[in-house]
Protein backbone atom coordinates (compact mmCIF):
# COMPACT_ATOMS: atom_id res chain seq x y z
CA MET A 1 -0.61 5.12 22.81
CA ARG A 2 -3.23 6.23 21.33
CA ALA A 3 -2.98 4.45 18.29
CA GLY A 4 -2.43 0.89 20.33
CA ARG A 5 -6.07 1.34 21.61
CA TRP A 6 -7.03 1.85 18.36
CA THR A 7 -5.62 -0.79 16.88
CA ALA A 8 -7.49 -3.16 19.63
CA PHE A 9 -10.54 -1.44 19.87
CA LEU A 10 -11.09 -1.82 15.79
CA LEU A 11 -9.63 -5.27 15.89
CA LEU A 12 -12.37 -6.21 18.48
CA ALA A 13 -14.50 -4.84 16.53
CA ILE A 14 -14.15 -6.86 13.46
CA LEU A 15 -13.83 -9.96 15.19
CA SER A 16 -17.07 -9.42 16.75
CA ALA A 17 -18.92 -8.74 13.90
CA CYS A 18 -21.34 -11.24 14.30
CA ALA A 19 -21.83 -10.42 16.93
CA ALA A 20 -23.62 -6.83 16.71
CA ALA A 21 -25.77 -5.21 13.90
CA PRO A 22 -23.54 -1.74 13.19
CA ALA A 23 -25.23 1.21 13.74
CA GLY A 24 -27.66 3.04 11.32
CA PRO A 25 -26.97 6.05 9.98
CA ILE A 26 -27.78 9.14 11.55
CA SER A 27 -28.03 12.65 9.65
CA PHE A 28 -27.40 16.22 11.24
CA LYS A 29 -28.31 18.99 9.75
CA PRO A 30 -27.39 22.95 11.04
CA ALA A 31 -28.42 24.13 13.58
CA PRO A 32 -28.96 28.07 14.07
CA GLY A 33 -26.45 30.31 15.62
CA PRO A 34 -25.38 33.56 15.61
CA THR A 35 -22.25 33.31 14.42
CA TYR A 36 -22.30 31.78 11.57
CA GLY A 37 -24.87 31.53 8.19
CA ILE A 38 -26.64 28.60 7.19
CA GLU A 39 -27.11 27.44 3.17
CA GLY A 40 -29.08 23.88 2.86
CA GLU A 41 -27.02 21.32 4.96
CA THR A 42 -23.58 23.99 4.77
CA ALA A 43 -22.78 25.85 7.72
CA PHE A 44 -20.50 28.47 6.82
CA LYS A 45 -18.01 31.61 8.55
CA ILE A 46 -16.44 33.72 6.82
CA VAL A 47 -13.25 35.40 8.69
CA GLU A 48 -11.28 38.26 6.66
CA ASN A 49 -12.28 36.81 3.51
CA VAL A 50 -12.03 33.23 4.04
CA ARG A 51 -14.47 31.31 4.44
CA VAL A 52 -15.01 27.89 6.25
CA GLU A 53 -17.77 25.64 5.43
CA VAL A 54 -18.53 22.62 7.25
CA ARG A 55 -21.15 19.57 6.68
CA HIS A 56 -22.31 16.69 8.39
CA ILE A 57 -22.01 13.55 5.84
CA SER A 58 -24.52 10.43 6.93
CA PRO A 59 -23.10 7.43 5.43
CA ALA A 60 -25.73 7.03 2.51
CA GLY A 61 -24.15 10.33 1.45
CA LEU A 62 -21.13 9.79 1.65
CA GLY A 63 -19.76 7.99 -1.73
CA PRO A 64 -20.45 11.34 -3.82
CA VAL A 65 -18.35 13.34 -1.46
CA LEU A 66 -15.87 10.48 -1.58
CA LYS A 67 -15.95 11.02 -4.92
CA ARG A 68 -15.15 14.18 -5.64
CA LEU A 69 -12.22 13.69 -3.30
CA THR A 70 -10.64 10.56 -3.90
CA GLY A 71 -11.84 10.24 -7.49
CA SER A 72 -13.81 6.36 -6.48
CA PRO A 73 -17.11 6.21 -4.58
CA ALA A 74 -15.57 3.41 -2.80
CA ASN A 75 -16.06 3.48 1.14
CA PRO A 76 -12.67 2.35 2.65
CA PHE A 77 -13.67 2.63 5.90
CA GLU A 78 -16.73 0.35 5.34
CA GLY A 79 -16.98 -2.50 7.68
CA LEU A 80 -14.45 -2.18 10.37
CA LEU A 81 -16.93 -0.42 13.04
CA VAL A 82 -19.90 -2.26 15.35
CA LYS A 83 -20.54 -1.27 18.30
CA LYS A 84 -19.70 2.46 17.17
CA THR A 85 -19.55 4.19 13.97
CA PHE A 86 -18.35 7.17 12.35
CA ALA A 87 -19.42 10.48 12.19
CA PHE A 88 -17.85 12.30 9.39
CA PHE A 89 -17.52 15.86 8.54
CA ALA A 90 -16.95 17.41 5.67
CA VAL A 91 -14.91 20.85 5.55
CA SER A 92 -13.94 23.45 2.54
CA ILE A 93 -11.87 26.19 3.83
CA ALA A 94 -11.79 29.18 0.48
CA ASN A 95 -8.93 31.30 0.87
CA GLY A 96 -10.57 35.14 -0.76
CA SER A 97 -7.68 36.86 1.53
CA LYS A 98 -3.82 37.61 0.29
CA ARG A 99 -2.57 35.53 3.60
CA SER A 100 -1.63 32.07 3.52
CA VAL A 101 -4.68 29.98 5.71
CA THR A 102 -3.31 26.71 7.88
CA PHE A 103 -5.71 25.08 9.47
CA ASN A 104 -4.63 22.04 12.13
CA PRO A 105 -7.37 18.91 12.02
CA ALA A 106 -5.42 17.74 15.64
CA MET A 107 -7.12 20.54 17.68
CA VAL A 108 -11.11 20.07 16.38
CA VAL A 109 -13.08 18.91 18.81
CA LEU A 110 -16.52 17.19 18.28
CA VAL A 111 -19.24 17.72 21.87
CA SER A 112 -22.16 16.69 21.81
CA ASP A 113 -25.23 17.56 24.17
CA PHE A 114 -24.43 13.27 25.90
CA GLY A 115 -21.37 14.42 26.68
CA LEU A 116 -19.08 12.55 23.72
CA ARG A 117 -16.09 14.48 22.78
CA ALA A 118 -13.92 12.77 20.10
CA THR A 119 -10.87 14.18 18.06
CA PRO A 120 -10.46 13.49 14.43
CA ARG A 121 -8.69 9.90 13.24
CA ASP A 122 -5.89 11.02 11.99
CA TYR A 123 -3.78 8.41 8.85
CA PRO A 124 -1.58 7.02 11.56
CA ASP A 125 -5.02 5.55 13.17
CA PHE A 126 -6.12 4.07 9.81
CA PHE A 127 -2.63 3.00 8.64
CA SER A 128 -2.91 0.88 11.44
CA VAL A 129 -6.25 -1.39 11.06
CA LEU A 130 -5.86 -1.65 7.51
CA THR A 131 -2.34 -2.69 7.20
CA ASP A 132 -2.90 -6.37 6.95
CA HIS A 133 -6.84 -5.69 5.42
CA PRO A 134 -7.16 -7.45 2.10
CA GLU A 135 -7.94 -3.95 0.27
CA SER A 136 -5.06 -1.68 2.57
CA GLU A 137 -3.23 -0.13 -0.43
CA LYS A 138 -6.23 0.88 -1.89
CA ARG A 139 -8.46 1.33 0.74
CA LEU A 140 -5.23 3.46 2.27
CA ALA A 141 -4.96 5.18 -0.90
CA GLN A 142 -8.12 6.74 -0.64
CA VAL A 143 -8.08 7.49 3.48
CA LYS A 144 -5.01 9.33 2.27
CA LYS A 145 -6.40 11.54 -0.35
CA ALA A 146 -9.95 11.96 1.40
CA VAL A 147 -8.94 12.59 5.45
CA TYR A 148 -7.14 15.29 6.60
CA ASP A 149 -4.26 14.25 8.83
CA ILE A 150 -1.50 16.62 8.96
CA PRO A 151 -1.27 20.56 9.20
CA VAL A 152 -2.27 22.18 5.88
CA THR A 153 -1.64 25.88 4.05
CA VAL A 154 -4.29 27.10 1.68
CA PRO A 155 -2.49 30.10 -0.23
CA PRO A 156 -4.23 32.69 -0.98
CA GLY A 157 -7.05 32.18 -3.88
CA GLY A 158 -6.89 28.66 -3.11
CA ARG A 159 -9.24 25.94 -1.78
CA LYS A 160 -8.95 22.38 0.21
CA GLU A 161 -11.61 20.37 1.18
CA GLY A 162 -11.36 17.09 3.46
CA LEU A 163 -12.78 14.36 5.32
CA LEU A 164 -13.07 14.90 9.48
CA VAL A 165 -13.47 11.23 11.17
CA PHE A 166 -14.72 10.85 14.61
CA ILE A 167 -15.33 7.41 15.96
CA VAL A 168 -18.12 8.01 18.39
CA GLU A 169 -21.90 6.08 19.42
CA MET A 170 -24.25 8.95 19.02
CA THR A 171 -27.33 6.57 20.02
CA ASP A 172 -29.13 9.56 21.68
CA ASP A 173 -27.24 12.56 21.01
CA ARG A 174 -29.54 15.34 20.05
CA THR A 175 -27.21 17.71 19.36
CA LEU A 176 -23.37 18.67 18.60
CA ALA A 177 -21.02 21.33 18.60
CA LEU A 178 -17.74 20.79 16.19
CA SER A 179 -15.01 23.02 17.38
CA LEU A 180 -12.11 24.05 14.98
CA PRO A 181 -10.06 26.51 17.41
CA ASP A 182 -6.79 26.62 15.09
CA VAL A 183 -6.56 28.14 12.16
CA TYR A 184 -4.64 31.24 11.12
CA ILE A 185 -4.63 33.17 8.59
CA GLY A 186 -1.79 34.79 8.03
CA HIS A 187 -0.62 34.57 11.93
CA ALA A 188 -3.94 35.27 13.48
CA ALA A 189 -5.28 32.71 14.83
CA HIS A 190 -9.14 32.33 14.47
CA ALA A 191 -11.79 29.47 15.81
CA PHE A 192 -14.42 28.23 13.94
CA SER A 193 -17.53 27.16 16.23
CA PHE A 194 -20.42 25.04 14.00
CA ALA A 195 -23.30 23.70 15.59
CA PHE A 196 -25.80 20.82 14.38
CA GLU A 197 -28.75 19.02 15.39
CA ARG A 198 -30.02 15.70 15.02
CA GLU A 199 -32.64 15.88 11.55
CA GLU A 200 -35.28 13.09 12.13
CA PRO A 201 -36.19 10.76 9.18
CA SER A 202 -39.94 11.52 7.91
CA PRO A 203 -42.71 9.17 8.85
CA PRO A 204 -43.78 6.56 5.89
CA ARG A 205 -46.10 8.02 3.95
């Protein structure tokens, strides 16, 4: 089962913490595309007055997002991976239509130019590894508030924001494509896809 493989992987990663250094922070910015717009570091698309926004969040920028979503900037994902890293995407859905919007995060796929193909981790994934952690209750409470887990419904006039969390290597990837193929506006299904390109750090002055 996926949860079992995930648990074994994370336990191995934690036990190997002394043998390898964690991957450094990697940042991606929206790449120009014909089907969506870009505002700063955010890609967005509007369909039938429903606005979907997606932004890649580097580890350094995760604190303010967690503060907004959970009330605390503490990182519940810290120290869980060694040879791989987490990729965080903040996704918000603002429903300006007269129909309910349903979003199923389990259908989301992240694809890279180096063949990476990942789906988001959900609450049971994190529960399986954090249940015996000294700060399990605190961390799981944050994860529950921050991470998209089960399908969510955004009522007319409502807004929902959360994190999609992936486990990836991202050592050489230059581009990422995030696909949200299962967004329903009323009974009509819509697909939202966004491309991101690696943002190179500024050279030291």
